[in-house]
Amino acid sequence: MLRTMITATNTMSQLQSQIDIIGNNLSNTGTHGYKAKDAKFQELLYQQFNNDKLDRVERDSPTGIRYGVGAALAQTQMNWKQGSLQSTDRDLDFAFQEPKQYFNVLMPDGVDGQQTAYTRQGAFYVSPMENGELMLVNGDGYPVASADGQVTTIPDGVTDFSVNETGILTATYPDGTTQQRELAVSVLQKPNAMEHLSATYIAMPDNLEELGLNAEDIMTDLLGADRGEIAMANRMLELSNVDTSKEMTDLMTAQRSYQFNARSITIADQMLGLINGIR
């Protein structure tokens, strides 16, 4: 009976993690550029009790009894499918039309350092600088990187913005002159190897040597002739790729599994009570 309770307890803790993941997906349904997470389970160690060797009865099922100790959350994978595009009619709203292409933003790292983070959330703004220029930033105030890895800046006095399919930002001024900047765009070859910073930000992991990978194996910057691979749309934002109906189905399945294991603990406790009550 104690083993039954341990098995159910092991599984319940993992089911709780799955419910948390589903809840996080549902809460980010309206977050632009958000990618849903999927929980994958695996069986824990089990003990095999084989039938008597003299038993020659033919069976379609495996011989013996397999006594497990529950299931565990094996890994959490990101769903990298393209989300639907939403038209916004706003000059500084950009969206990718291909999966695994990401904007580069410069986030603070420590006291004086900074790190490059990657996001598909393309709602950008301009922030005035002390030198009279404008800095391109995202909704959280982080600078958007240009193709040379620096902060994207343009002179003030812009009347409107536009971006073409290859990620070239064009700023137009009242006298008809223009300024162009190449936005940094990276394509992720192994997105599941990335470190997740928040709902919409990912970064290069620090333990590349332990993973047996190089930065080039995970991510490629689209520069020069490779910029022709960029597929960017202006005045649009990418919606979350969360499938609400799937998430609700998974939630009901997880809750029923949780209730089943909780009931197993109750029954085992009752049986132990009966055994201990025997005189």
Protein backbone atom coordinates (compact mmCIF):
# COMPACT_ATOMS: atom_id res chain seq x y z
CA MET A 1 0.00 0.00 0.00
CA LEU A 2 2.87 2.37 0.76
CA ARG A 3 4.26 1.71 -2.71
CA THR A 4 0.91 2.60 -4.25
CA MET A 5 0.90 5.89 -2.36
CA ILE A 6 4.48 6.68 -3.41
CA THR A 7 3.69 5.94 -7.06
CA ALA A 8 0.63 8.18 -7.02
CA THR A 9 2.49 10.97 -5.21
CA ASN A 10 5.34 10.91 -7.74
CA THR A 11 2.90 11.26 -10.63
CA MET A 12 0.80 13.95 -8.96
CA SER A 13 3.78 16.28 -8.51
CA GLN A 14 4.60 15.96 -12.21
CA LEU A 15 0.98 16.49 -13.25
CA GLN A 16 0.99 19.69 -11.22
CA SER A 17 3.93 20.91 -13.31
CA GLN A 18 2.00 20.11 -16.49
CA ILE A 19 -1.03 22.03 -15.20
CA ASP A 20 1.24 25.01 -14.48
CA ILE A 21 2.58 24.90 -18.06
CA ILE A 22 -0.93 24.74 -19.49
CA GLY A 23 -2.02 27.64 -17.29
CA ASN A 24 0.97 29.69 -18.48
CA ASN A 25 0.04 28.97 -22.11
CA LEU A 26 -3.56 30.03 -21.58
CA SER A 27 -2.55 33.21 -19.75
CA ASN A 28 -0.35 34.21 -22.73
CA THR A 29 -2.97 33.62 -25.41
CA GLY A 30 -3.02 37.35 -26.13
CA THR A 31 0.76 37.88 -25.95
CA HIS A 32 2.20 38.75 -29.35
CA GLY A 33 5.03 36.45 -30.44
CA TYR A 34 4.47 33.95 -27.62
CA LYS A 35 5.22 30.29 -28.38
CA ALA A 36 3.28 27.60 -26.52
CA LYS A 37 5.04 24.94 -24.46
CA ASP A 38 4.25 21.23 -24.59
CA ALA A 39 4.95 18.85 -21.69
CA LYS A 40 6.35 15.41 -22.49
CA PHE A 41 6.16 12.56 -19.96
CA GLN A 42 8.22 9.43 -19.53
CA GLU A 43 7.94 6.34 -17.34
CA LEU A 44 10.07 6.16 -14.22
CA LEU A 45 12.04 3.08 -13.23
CA TYR A 46 9.96 -0.05 -12.93
CA GLN A 47 10.41 -3.53 -11.49
CA GLN A 48 9.78 -6.57 -13.66
CA PHE A 49 8.29 -9.76 -12.15
CA ASN A 50 8.60 -12.55 -14.71
CA ASN A 51 6.32 -15.55 -14.88
CA ASP A 52 7.48 -19.00 -13.88
CA LYS A 53 9.83 -20.42 -16.53
CA LEU A 54 7.72 -23.58 -16.61
CA ASP A 55 4.70 -21.55 -17.70
CA ARG A 56 4.44 -22.29 -21.46
CA VAL A 57 1.08 -20.61 -22.07
CA GLU A 58 1.14 -18.45 -25.20
CA ARG A 59 0.15 -14.86 -24.56
CA ASP A 60 -0.28 -11.80 -26.74
CA SER A 61 0.79 -9.52 -23.89
CA PRO A 62 4.30 -9.46 -22.38
CA THR A 63 4.86 -12.18 -19.78
CA GLY A 64 5.11 -11.18 -16.16
CA ILE A 65 4.10 -8.08 -14.25
CA ARG A 66 5.70 -4.67 -14.59
CA TYR A 67 5.43 -2.66 -11.38
CA GLY A 68 6.19 1.02 -11.98
CA VAL A 69 6.70 3.94 -9.64
CA GLY A 70 4.90 6.62 -11.65
CA ALA A 71 5.64 9.02 -14.48
CA ALA A 72 7.90 12.07 -14.71
CA LEU A 73 7.97 15.21 -16.81
CA ALA A 74 10.70 14.33 -19.31
CA GLN A 75 11.04 17.68 -21.08
CA THR A 76 9.22 20.85 -21.99
CA GLN A 77 9.35 21.66 -25.69
CA MET A 78 8.44 24.91 -27.40
CA ASN A 79 5.93 24.84 -30.22
CA TRP A 80 7.74 26.78 -32.94
CA LYS A 81 4.86 26.95 -35.44
CA GLN A 82 4.07 30.29 -37.05
CA GLY A 83 1.30 32.26 -35.35
CA SER A 84 -1.41 34.11 -37.21
CA LEU A 85 -0.66 37.68 -38.32
CA GLN A 86 -2.76 40.57 -37.08
CA SER A 87 -3.00 43.80 -39.07
CA THR A 88 -2.41 46.90 -36.90
CA ASP A 89 -1.84 49.75 -39.42
CA ARG A 90 0.98 51.02 -37.18
CA ASP A 91 4.30 51.99 -38.80
CA LEU A 92 6.53 50.37 -36.19
CA ASP A 93 4.73 47.03 -35.93
CA PHE A 94 6.73 44.26 -37.63
CA ALA A 95 6.11 40.52 -37.92
CA PHE A 96 7.97 37.59 -39.39
CA GLN A 97 6.25 35.40 -41.94
CA GLU A 98 8.67 32.49 -41.44
CA PRO A 99 9.19 30.45 -38.25
CA LYS A 100 12.45 30.52 -36.28
CA GLN A 101 13.41 34.04 -37.41
CA TYR A 102 13.98 36.44 -34.50
CA PHE A 103 14.63 40.09 -33.74
CA ASN A 104 17.73 40.92 -31.66
CA VAL A 105 17.32 43.10 -28.57
CA LEU A 106 20.02 44.25 -26.15
CA MET A 107 19.18 43.45 -22.53
CA PRO A 108 21.20 44.44 -19.44
CA ASP A 109 23.29 41.63 -17.97
CA GLY A 110 24.75 42.33 -14.56
CA VAL A 111 25.86 45.79 -13.51
CA ASP A 112 27.62 47.06 -16.64
CA GLY A 113 27.20 44.28 -19.17
CA GLN A 114 24.55 43.46 -21.73
CA GLN A 115 23.41 40.37 -23.55
CA THR A 116 21.63 39.77 -26.82
CA ALA A 117 18.16 38.31 -26.43
CA TYR A 118 15.89 37.10 -29.20
CA THR A 119 12.18 37.71 -29.61
CA ARG A 120 9.41 37.56 -32.19
CA GLN A 121 7.45 40.33 -30.50
CA GLY A 122 7.73 43.12 -33.07
CA ALA A 123 5.88 46.08 -31.50
CA PHE A 124 8.61 48.76 -31.56
CA TYR A 125 8.83 52.40 -30.51
CA VAL A 126 11.33 55.27 -30.67
CA SER A 127 12.94 56.80 -27.60
CA PRO A 128 14.71 60.21 -27.74
CA MET A 129 18.40 60.31 -26.85
CA GLU A 130 20.48 63.15 -25.41
CA ASN A 131 22.36 63.65 -28.70
CA GLY A 132 19.17 64.48 -30.59
CA GLU A 133 18.77 61.06 -32.19
CA LEU A 134 16.04 58.47 -31.77
CA MET A 135 16.68 54.97 -30.49
CA LEU A 136 14.53 52.06 -31.64
CA VAL A 137 13.24 50.12 -28.62
CA ASN A 138 10.66 47.43 -27.94
CA GLY A 139 7.68 47.57 -25.59
CA ASP A 140 9.87 46.80 -22.56
CA GLY A 141 12.30 49.61 -23.40
CA TYR A 142 15.14 47.36 -24.57
CA PRO A 143 17.14 48.70 -27.56
CA VAL A 144 16.62 46.88 -30.86
CA ALA A 145 19.93 45.80 -32.43
CA SER A 146 20.97 46.66 -35.96
CA ALA A 147 22.77 44.24 -38.28
CA ASP A 148 26.15 45.31 -36.83
CA GLY A 149 25.04 44.37 -33.31
CA GLN A 150 24.74 47.97 -32.11
CA VAL A 151 21.77 50.02 -30.96
CA THR A 152 19.56 51.11 -33.88
CA THR A 153 19.52 54.91 -33.97
CA ILE A 154 18.26 57.49 -36.48
CA PRO A 155 18.15 61.32 -36.54
CA ASP A 156 15.09 62.94 -35.00
CA GLY A 157 12.32 64.60 -37.01
CA VAL A 158 10.95 61.49 -38.73
CA THR A 159 7.51 61.71 -40.32
CA ASP A 160 6.94 57.99 -40.90
CA PHE A 161 8.61 54.59 -40.87
CA SER A 162 8.43 51.51 -43.07
CA VAL A 163 10.25 48.19 -43.34
CA ASN A 164 10.66 45.96 -46.38
CA GLU A 165 10.63 42.17 -46.56
CA THR A 166 14.38 41.89 -45.92
CA GLY A 167 14.25 43.83 -42.65
CA ILE A 168 15.54 47.22 -43.85
CA LEU A 169 13.99 50.02 -41.81
CA THR A 170 13.37 53.25 -43.74
CA ALA A 171 12.74 56.57 -41.96
CA THR A 172 11.26 59.39 -44.04
CA TYR A 173 11.72 63.09 -43.22
CA PRO A 174 9.60 66.16 -44.11
CA ASP A 175 11.95 67.20 -46.94
CA GLY A 176 11.59 63.81 -48.60
CA THR A 177 15.00 62.46 -47.59
CA THR A 178 15.29 59.00 -46.05
CA GLN A 179 17.54 57.13 -43.67
CA GLN A 180 17.86 53.33 -43.78
CA ARG A 181 18.97 50.86 -41.13
CA GLU A 182 19.33 47.10 -41.37
CA LEU A 183 17.63 45.40 -38.42
CA ALA A 184 19.44 42.40 -36.98
CA VAL A 185 17.63 39.15 -37.75
CA SER A 186 18.73 35.68 -36.61
CA VAL A 187 17.43 32.27 -37.55
CA LEU A 188 17.55 29.53 -34.92
CA GLN A 189 18.68 26.11 -36.07
CA LYS A 190 18.22 24.40 -32.69
CA PRO A 191 15.65 26.54 -30.85
CA ASN A 192 15.07 23.98 -28.11
CA ALA A 193 18.68 24.43 -27.01
CA MET A 194 18.08 28.09 -26.19
CA GLU A 195 17.69 29.44 -22.66
CA HIS A 196 14.27 30.93 -21.91
CA LEU A 197 14.44 34.27 -20.15
CA SER A 198 10.71 35.03 -20.07
CA ALA A 199 7.52 34.43 -22.04
CA THR A 200 8.83 36.00 -25.26
CA TYR A 201 12.63 36.28 -24.75
CA ILE A 202 15.23 33.59 -25.34
CA ALA A 203 19.03 33.77 -25.16
CA MET A 204 22.12 31.73 -25.98
CA PRO A 205 22.85 29.23 -23.18
CA ASP A 206 26.01 29.66 -21.10
CA ASN A 207 26.86 25.93 -21.04
CA LEU A 208 27.51 25.37 -24.74
CA GLU A 209 30.53 23.16 -24.00
CA GLU A 210 28.48 20.89 -21.75
CA LEU A 211 25.86 20.61 -24.49
CA GLY A 212 28.54 19.79 -27.07
CA LEU A 213 27.38 22.62 -29.32
CA ASN A 214 28.79 25.77 -30.89
CA ALA A 215 26.93 29.05 -31.17
CA GLU A 216 26.86 28.58 -34.96
CA ASP A 217 25.08 25.25 -34.51
CA ILE A 218 22.23 26.95 -32.68
CA MET A 219 21.86 30.34 -34.33
CA THR A 220 22.78 32.04 -37.61
CA ASP A 221 22.74 35.79 -38.21
CA LEU A 222 21.22 36.66 -41.57
CA LEU A 223 23.73 39.06 -43.13
CA GLY A 224 24.64 40.12 -46.64
CA ALA A 225 23.18 37.87 -49.30
CA ASP A 226 21.49 35.76 -46.61
CA ARG A 227 19.16 38.66 -45.82
CA GLY A 228 17.13 37.59 -48.83
CA GLU A 229 15.82 34.75 -46.62
CA ILE A 230 14.16 37.23 -44.26
CA ALA A 231 10.37 37.39 -44.58
CA MET A 232 9.14 40.43 -42.66
CA ALA A 233 5.78 42.18 -42.87
CA ASN A 234 5.07 45.81 -41.95
CA ARG A 235 2.09 47.05 -39.92
CA MET A 236 1.44 43.56 -38.59
CA LEU A 237 2.07 41.62 -35.40
CA GLU A 238 2.34 37.86 -34.89
CA LEU A 239 -0.27 36.47 -32.53
CA SER A 240 0.41 33.74 -30.00
CA ASN A 241 0.32 30.22 -31.44
CA VAL A 242 -1.52 28.84 -28.39
CA ASP A 243 -4.33 26.48 -29.44
CA THR A 244 -6.95 27.17 -26.77
CA SER A 245 -9.05 24.09 -27.55
CA LYS A 246 -5.98 21.82 -27.28
CA GLU A 247 -4.87 23.44 -24.04
CA MET A 248 -8.32 23.01 -22.49
CA THR A 249 -8.41 19.35 -23.56
CA ASP A 250 -4.94 18.77 -22.07
CA LEU A 251 -6.02 20.56 -18.90
CA MET A 252 -9.07 18.32 -18.44
CA THR A 253 -6.94 15.21 -19.07
CA ALA A 254 -4.32 16.33 -16.55
CA GLN A 255 -6.95 17.15 -13.93
CA ARG A 256 -8.62 13.75 -14.33
CA SER A 257 -5.25 12.01 -14.01
CA TYR A 258 -4.55 14.07 -10.89
CA GLN A 259 -7.92 13.11 -9.40
CA PHE A 260 -7.33 9.44 -10.23
CA ASN A 261 -3.97 9.42 -8.44
CA ALA A 262 -5.41 11.32 -5.48
CA ARG A 263 -8.15 8.70 -5.25
CA SER A 264 -5.49 5.96 -5.31
CA ILE A 265 -3.85 7.50 -2.25
CA THR A 266 -7.20 7.66 -0.45
CA ILE A 267 -7.99 4.01 -1.18
CA ALA A 268 -4.49 2.89 -0.13
CA ASP A 269 -4.85 4.85 3.11
CA GLN A 270 -8.20 3.21 3.80
CA MET A 271 -6.77 -0.27 3.17
CA LEU A 272 -3.84 0.45 5.50
CA GLY A 273 -6.35 1.52 8.14
CA LEU A 274 -8.21 -1.77 7.76
CA ILE A 275 -4.99 -3.78 8.04
CA ASN A 276 -3.83 -1.90 11.11
CA GLY A 277 -7.27 -2.38 12.67
CA ILE A 278 -7.08 -6.18 12.47
CA ARG A 279 -6.66 -7.75 15.91
